[in-house]
C-alpha atoms as a PDB file:
ATOM      1  CA  MET A   1      80.913 111.755  58.151  1.00  0.00           C
ATOM      2  CA  THR A   2      79.155 111.450  61.155  1.00  0.00           C
ATOM      3  CA  PRO A   3      76.374 108.389  61.920  1.00  0.00           C
ATOM      4  CA  ASP A   4      73.572 110.139  60.227  1.00  0.00           C
ATOM      5  CA  GLY A   5      75.510 110.694  57.088  1.00  0.00           C
ATOM      6  CA  GLU A   6      75.877 114.773  57.731  1.00  0.00           C
ATOM      7  CA  ALA A   7      79.018 116.799  56.615  1.00  0.00           C
ATOM      8  CA  PRO A   8      80.879 116.600  59.984  1.00  0.00           C
ATOM      9  CA  THR A   9      81.254 120.702  61.692  1.00  0.00           C
ATOM     10  CA  TRP A  10      84.483 119.904  64.001  1.00  0.00           C
ATOM     11  CA  LYS A  11      87.074 122.403  63.061  1.00  0.00           C
ATOM     12  CA  LEU A  12      90.416 121.868  61.481  1.00  0.00           C
ATOM     13  CA  ALA A  13      93.234 123.855  62.592  1.00  0.00           C
ATOM     14  CA  ASP A  14      96.966 123.429  63.065  1.00  0.00           C
ATOM     15  CA  GLY A  15      97.272 119.770  62.093  1.00  0.00           C
ATOM     16  CA  ALA A  16      94.875 118.512  64.275  1.00  0.00           C
ATOM     17  CA  MET A  17      90.665 118.500  64.344  1.00  0.00           C
ATOM     18  CA  MET A  18      88.254 119.776  67.376  1.00  0.00           C
ATOM     19  CA  VAL A  19      85.433 118.471  68.626  1.00  0.00           C
ATOM     20  CA  ALA A  20      83.070 121.393  68.318  1.00  0.00           C
ATOM     21  CA  GLY A  21      80.978 120.037  65.739  1.00  0.00           C
ATOM     22  CA  ASN A  22      77.423 118.308  65.339  1.00  0.00           C
ATOM     23  CA  ALA A  23      78.164 114.976  66.243  1.00  0.00           C
ATOM     24  CA  GLU A  24      80.365 112.054  66.699  1.00  0.00           C
ATOM     25  CA  LEU A  25      82.487 110.887  63.543  1.00  0.00           C
ATOM     26  CA  GLN A  26      82.796 107.470  62.102  1.00  0.00           C
ATOM     27  CA  THR A  27      84.846 105.909  59.597  1.00  0.00           C
ATOM     28  CA  LYS A  28      83.798 104.810  56.560  1.00  0.00           C
ATOM     29  CA  SER A  29      85.351 101.788  56.625  1.00  0.00           C
ATOM     30  CA  SER A  30      84.565  99.092  59.151  1.00  0.00           C
ATOM     31  CA  PHE A  31      87.217  97.227  61.403  1.00  0.00           C
ATOM     32  CA  GLY A  32      87.522  94.317  63.162  1.00  0.00           C
ATOM     33  CA  ASP A  33      90.729  92.850  65.045  1.00  0.00           C
ATOM     34  CA  CYS A  34      92.734  96.050  64.454  1.00  0.00           C
ATOM     35  CA  GLN A  35      95.668  98.167  65.686  1.00  0.00           C
ATOM     36  CA  LEU A  36      94.661 102.065  66.615  1.00  0.00           C
ATOM     37  CA  HIS A  37      97.165 104.714  67.442  1.00  0.00           C
ATOM     38  CA  VAL A  38      95.234 108.279  68.500  1.00  0.00           C
ATOM     39  CA  GLU A  39      96.976 111.378  69.421  1.00  0.00           C
ATOM     40  CA  TRP A  40      94.667 113.543  71.672  1.00  0.00           C
ATOM     41  CA  ALA A  41      94.855 116.553  73.989  1.00  0.00           C
ATOM     42  CA  THR A  42      92.284 117.941  76.115  1.00  0.00           C
ATOM     43  CA  PRO A  43      92.110 122.312  76.694  1.00  0.00           C
ATOM     44  CA  ALA A  44      94.993 123.586  78.350  1.00  0.00           C
ATOM     45  CA  ASN A  45      92.861 126.363  80.228  1.00  0.00           C
ATOM     46  CA  ARG A  46      91.386 123.801  82.916  1.00  0.00           C
ATOM     47  CA  SER A  47      87.767 124.280  83.946  1.00  0.00           C
ATOM     48  CA  GLY A  48      85.438 122.018  85.775  1.00  0.00           C
ATOM     49  CA  ASN A  49      85.846 119.299  86.876  1.00  0.00           C
ATOM     50  CA  SER A  50      85.346 115.416  86.959  1.00  0.00           C
ATOM     51  CA  GLN A  51      83.716 114.391  83.536  1.00  0.00           C
ATOM     52  CA  ALA A  52      83.752 118.016  82.713  1.00  0.00           C
ATOM     53  CA  MET A  53      87.127 118.036  82.004  1.00  0.00           C
ATOM     54  CA  GLY A  54      87.905 117.497  78.163  1.00  0.00           C
ATOM     55  CA  ASN A  55      85.272 114.265  77.685  1.00  0.00           C
ATOM     56  CA  SER A  56      85.416 112.375  74.708  1.00  0.00           C
ATOM     57  CA  GLY A  57      85.629 108.959  73.619  1.00  0.00           C
ATOM     58  CA  VAL A  58      87.178 106.510  70.942  1.00  0.00           C
ATOM     59  CA  PHE A  59      84.556 103.956  70.268  1.00  0.00           C
ATOM     60  CA  LEU A  60      86.107 100.912  68.731  1.00  0.00           C
ATOM     61  CA  MET A  61      83.679  99.359  66.549  1.00  0.00           C
ATOM     62  CA  GLY A  62      81.378 102.129  67.238  1.00  0.00           C
ATOM     63  CA  LEU A  63      80.468 100.139  70.447  1.00  0.00           C
ATOM     64  CA  TYR A  64      83.351  99.948  72.832  1.00  0.00           C
ATOM     65  CA  GLU A  65      84.943 102.879  74.530  1.00  0.00           C
ATOM     66  CA  ILE A  66      88.102 103.873  75.650  1.00  0.00           C
ATOM     67  CA  GLN A  67      87.691 106.729  77.848  1.00  0.00           C
ATOM     68  CA  VAL A  68      89.153 110.122  76.918  1.00  0.00           C
ATOM     69  CA  LEU A  69      89.375 112.883  79.779  1.00  0.00           C
ATOM     70  CA  ASP A  70      91.521 114.898  81.371  1.00  0.00           C
ATOM     71  CA  THR A  71      92.787 113.053  84.500  1.00  0.00           C
ATOM     72  CA  TRP A  72      95.685 115.289  85.242  1.00  0.00           C
ATOM     73  CA  ASN A  73      95.024 116.397  89.243  1.00  0.00           C
ATOM     74  CA  ASN A  74      91.268 115.180  88.391  1.00  0.00           C
ATOM     75  CA  SER A  75      89.597 113.048  89.831  1.00  0.00           C
ATOM     76  CA  SER A  76      86.560 111.097  88.396  1.00  0.00           C
ATOM     77  CA  TYR A  77      84.858 108.116  89.387  1.00  0.00           C
ATOM     78  CA  ALA A  78      87.780 105.070  88.236  1.00  0.00           C
ATOM     79  CA  ASP A  79      86.141 103.515  85.326  1.00  0.00           C
ATOM     80  CA  GLY A  80      84.968 106.920  83.720  1.00  0.00           C
ATOM     81  CA  THR A  81      89.052 108.221  83.896  1.00  0.00           C
ATOM     82  CA  ALA A  82      91.685 108.724  81.004  1.00  0.00           C
ATOM     83  CA  GLY A  83      92.640 105.067  79.433  1.00  0.00           C
ATOM     84  CA  ALA A  84      89.310 103.459  81.157  1.00  0.00           C
ATOM     85  CA  LEU A  85      87.131 100.677  78.901  1.00  0.00           C
ATOM     86  CA  TYR A  86      84.370 103.334  80.191  1.00  0.00           C
ATOM     87  CA  GLY A  87      81.900 102.149  82.582  1.00  0.00           C
ATOM     88  CA  GLN A  88      84.008  98.240  83.102  1.00  0.00           C
ATOM     89  CA  PHE A  89      87.541  98.716  84.100  1.00  0.00           C
ATOM     90  CA  PRO A  90      89.755 101.381  85.207  1.00  0.00           C
ATOM     91  CA  PRO A  91      93.487 101.613  84.251  1.00  0.00           C
ATOM     92  CA  SER A  92      95.772 100.067  86.007  1.00  0.00           C
ATOM     93  CA  VAL A  93      97.909 103.193  86.517  1.00  0.00           C
ATOM     94  CA  ASN A  94      97.090 107.122  85.603  1.00  0.00           C
ATOM     95  CA  ALA A  95      99.552 107.281  82.419  1.00  0.00           C
ATOM     96  CA  SER A  96      97.899 111.284  81.823  1.00  0.00           C
ATOM     97  CA  ARG A  97     100.138 113.870  81.129  1.00  0.00           C
ATOM     98  CA  PRO A  98      99.229 118.167  81.975  1.00  0.00           C
ATOM     99  CA  SER A  99      96.349 119.627  80.554  1.00  0.00           C
ATOM    100  CA  GLY A 100      96.759 120.552  76.854  1.00  0.00           C
ATOM    101  CA  GLU A 101      99.825 118.334  76.799  1.00  0.00           C
ATOM    102  CA  TRP A 102      99.230 115.623  73.557  1.00  0.00           C
ATOM    103  CA  GLN A 103      98.233 111.929  74.756  1.00  0.00           C
ATOM    104  CA  THR A 104      98.650 108.677  73.022  1.00  0.00           C
ATOM    105  CA  TYR A 105      96.820 105.394  72.997  1.00  0.00           C
ATOM    106  CA  ASP A 106      98.179 102.679  70.986  1.00  0.00           C
ATOM    107  CA  ILE A 107      95.183  99.847  71.164  1.00  0.00           C
ATOM    108  CA  LEU A 108      95.179  96.270  70.059  1.00  0.00           C
ATOM    109  CA  PHE A 109      91.645  95.262  69.801  1.00  0.00           C
ATOM    110  CA  THR A 110      90.007  91.747  69.321  1.00  0.00           C
ATOM    111  CA  ALA A 111      86.380  92.068  67.944  1.00  0.00           C
ATOM    112  CA  PRO A 112      84.034  89.566  69.746  1.00  0.00           C
ATOM    113  CA  LYS A 113      83.306  86.340  67.968  1.00  0.00           C
ATOM    114  CA  PHE A 114      79.813  84.644  67.704  1.00  0.00           C
ATOM    115  CA  SER A 115      78.217  81.661  66.832  1.00  0.00           C
ATOM    116  CA  GLU A 116      75.899  80.905  63.741  1.00  0.00           C
ATOM    117  CA  ALA A 117      73.640  80.951  66.637  1.00  0.00           C
ATOM    118  CA  GLY A 118      74.204  84.234  67.975  1.00  0.00           C
ATOM    119  CA  ASN A 119      76.092  83.281  71.149  1.00  0.00           C
ATOM    120  CA  LEU A 120      78.778  84.821  72.057  1.00  0.00           C
ATOM    121  CA  GLU A 121      82.260  82.254  71.696  1.00  0.00           C
ATOM    122  CA  SER A 122      84.735  84.624  72.424  1.00  0.00           C
ATOM    123  CA  PRO A 123      84.502  88.221  73.947  1.00  0.00           C
ATOM    124  CA  ALA A 124      86.181  91.435  72.504  1.00  0.00           C
ATOM    125  CA  ARG A 125      89.475  92.275  74.042  1.00  0.00           C
ATOM    126  CA  VAL A 126      91.386  95.137  74.780  1.00  0.00           C
ATOM    127  CA  THR A 127      95.322  95.926  74.878  1.00  0.00           C
ATOM    128  CA  LEU A 128      95.712  99.334  75.507  1.00  0.00           C
ATOM    129  CA  LEU A 129      99.239 101.571  75.726  1.00  0.00           C
ATOM    130  CA  HIS A 130      98.831 104.870  77.427  1.00  0.00           C
ATOM    131  CA  ASN A 131     101.367 107.549  76.546  1.00  0.00           C
ATOM    132  CA  GLY A 132     103.532 104.218  76.295  1.00  0.00           C
ATOM    133  CA  VAL A 133     102.276 102.780  79.512  1.00  0.00           C
ATOM    134  CA  VAL A 134     100.687  99.187  79.478  1.00  0.00           C
ATOM    135  CA  VAL A 135      97.435 100.189  81.212  1.00  0.00           C
ATOM    136  CA  HIS A 136      95.227  97.069  79.779  1.00  0.00           C
ATOM    137  CA  HIS A 137      96.353  93.758  78.814  1.00  0.00           C
ATOM    138  CA  ASN A 138      94.148  91.653  76.512  1.00  0.00           C
ATOM    139  CA  ARG A 139      91.338  92.328  79.030  1.00  0.00           C
ATOM    140  CA  ALA A 140      88.073  90.705  78.077  1.00  0.00           C
ATOM    141  CA  LEU A 141      85.528  93.041  77.545  1.00  0.00           C
ATOM    142  CA  LEU A 142      81.852  92.517  79.293  1.00  0.00           C
ATOM    143  CA  GLY A 143      79.768  93.777  76.461  1.00  0.00           C
ATOM    144  CA  PRO A 144      79.438  97.202  74.694  1.00  0.00           C
ATOM    145  CA  THR A 145      79.324 100.566  76.420  1.00  0.00           C
ATOM    146  CA  THR A 146      76.754 101.841  78.336  1.00  0.00           C
ATOM    147  CA  HIS A 147      76.415 104.267  81.500  1.00  0.00           C
ATOM    148  CA  ARG A 148      76.242 102.529  84.659  1.00  0.00           C
ATOM    149  CA  ALA A 149      74.749  99.212  83.051  1.00  0.00           C
ATOM    150  CA  LEU A 150      76.229  95.920  81.974  1.00  0.00           C
ATOM    151  CA  PRO A 151      74.584  94.920  78.957  1.00  0.00           C
ATOM    152  CA  PRO A 152      75.155  91.345  77.036  1.00  0.00           C
ATOM    153  CA  THR A 153      76.518  91.504  74.280  1.00  0.00           C
ATOM    154  CA  ALA A 154      74.603  91.369  71.531  1.00  0.00           C
ATOM    155  CA  PRO A 155      75.480  89.508  68.220  1.00  0.00           C
ATOM    156  CA  HIS A 156      76.848  92.124  65.434  1.00  0.00           C
ATOM    157  CA  ALA A 157      78.476  92.355  62.560  1.00  0.00           C
ATOM    158  CA  ALA A 158      82.066  91.076  62.764  1.00  0.00           C
ATOM    159  CA  GLU A 159      83.663  94.367  61.510  1.00  0.00           C
ATOM    160  CA  LEU A 160      81.846  98.231  62.467  1.00  0.00           C
ATOM    161  CA  PRO A 161      83.235 102.140  62.070  1.00  0.00           C
ATOM    162  CA  LEU A 162      85.607 103.422  64.151  1.00  0.00           C
ATOM    163  CA  LYS A 163      84.120 106.831  66.111  1.00  0.00           C
ATOM    164  CA  LEU A 164      85.039 109.387  67.766  1.00  0.00           C
ATOM    165  CA  GLN A 165      82.627 110.327  70.341  1.00  0.00           C
ATOM    166  CA  ASN A 166      81.880 114.436  70.384  1.00  0.00           C
ATOM    167  CA  HIS A 167      80.652 115.208  74.251  1.00  0.00           C
ATOM    168  CA  GLY A 168      80.907 118.678  73.949  1.00  0.00           C
ATOM    169  CA  ASP A 169      84.337 119.187  75.035  1.00  0.00           C
ATOM    170  CA  PRO A 170      86.863 120.857  73.224  1.00  0.00           C
ATOM    171  CA  VAL A 171      89.242 117.776  72.840  1.00  0.00           C
ATOM    172  CA  ARG A 172      91.690 117.598  69.982  1.00  0.00           C
ATOM    173  CA  TYR A 173      92.446 114.949  67.670  1.00  0.00           C
ATOM    174  CA  ARG A 174      95.477 114.174  65.449  1.00  0.00           C
ATOM    175  CA  ASN A 175      98.199 111.258  64.027  1.00  0.00           C
ATOM    176  CA  ILE A 176      94.955 108.696  64.273  1.00  0.00           C
ATOM    177  CA  TRP A 177      95.986 105.644  62.049  1.00  0.00           C
ATOM    178  CA  ILE A 178      94.026 101.737  61.493  1.00  0.00           C
ATOM    179  CA  ARG A 179      94.364  99.180  60.316  1.00  0.00           C
ATOM    180  CA  ASN A 180      93.642  95.459  60.272  1.00  0.00           C
ATOM    181  CA  LEU A 181      94.675  92.439  61.917  1.00  0.00           C
ATOM    182  CA  ASP A 182      94.211  89.383  60.450  1.00  0.00           C
END
């Protein structure tokens, strides 16, 4: 479903879904602390540069983005490359495969914890393996993802849907699975 509850128009072909639709997709179920596996591929026929190269994102809790981008011989700003905790932290290494090849993200996510008064007790944390290479280890996030800003973390539900971003680029996704960790 799209966040607005509409039927998605993403294309399904050859066991994968392609970002080509009307909106982002999100899960019906909500998740907090979780383990997530995502396989994604940018177009093999490259055109453009920087952020115009297979741009998408995986949003944990719909708020915290792990950047999806073709960064095989493609320069972009550091906290906007593949494997970046978008707008906050670049990956420790560029583990990207060539354009068009399937990439993997294996993610361990710890949701932020808030007191009853709404104060942040512990920030969201991410461990990310990109193609089997650790690019973030137990990294504390500064808050939800925004472009060119670092908003403070505001109290939110303990579990929220996973979201895949539609940024207008033909990125493919397959073999996505998620499980709660508690």
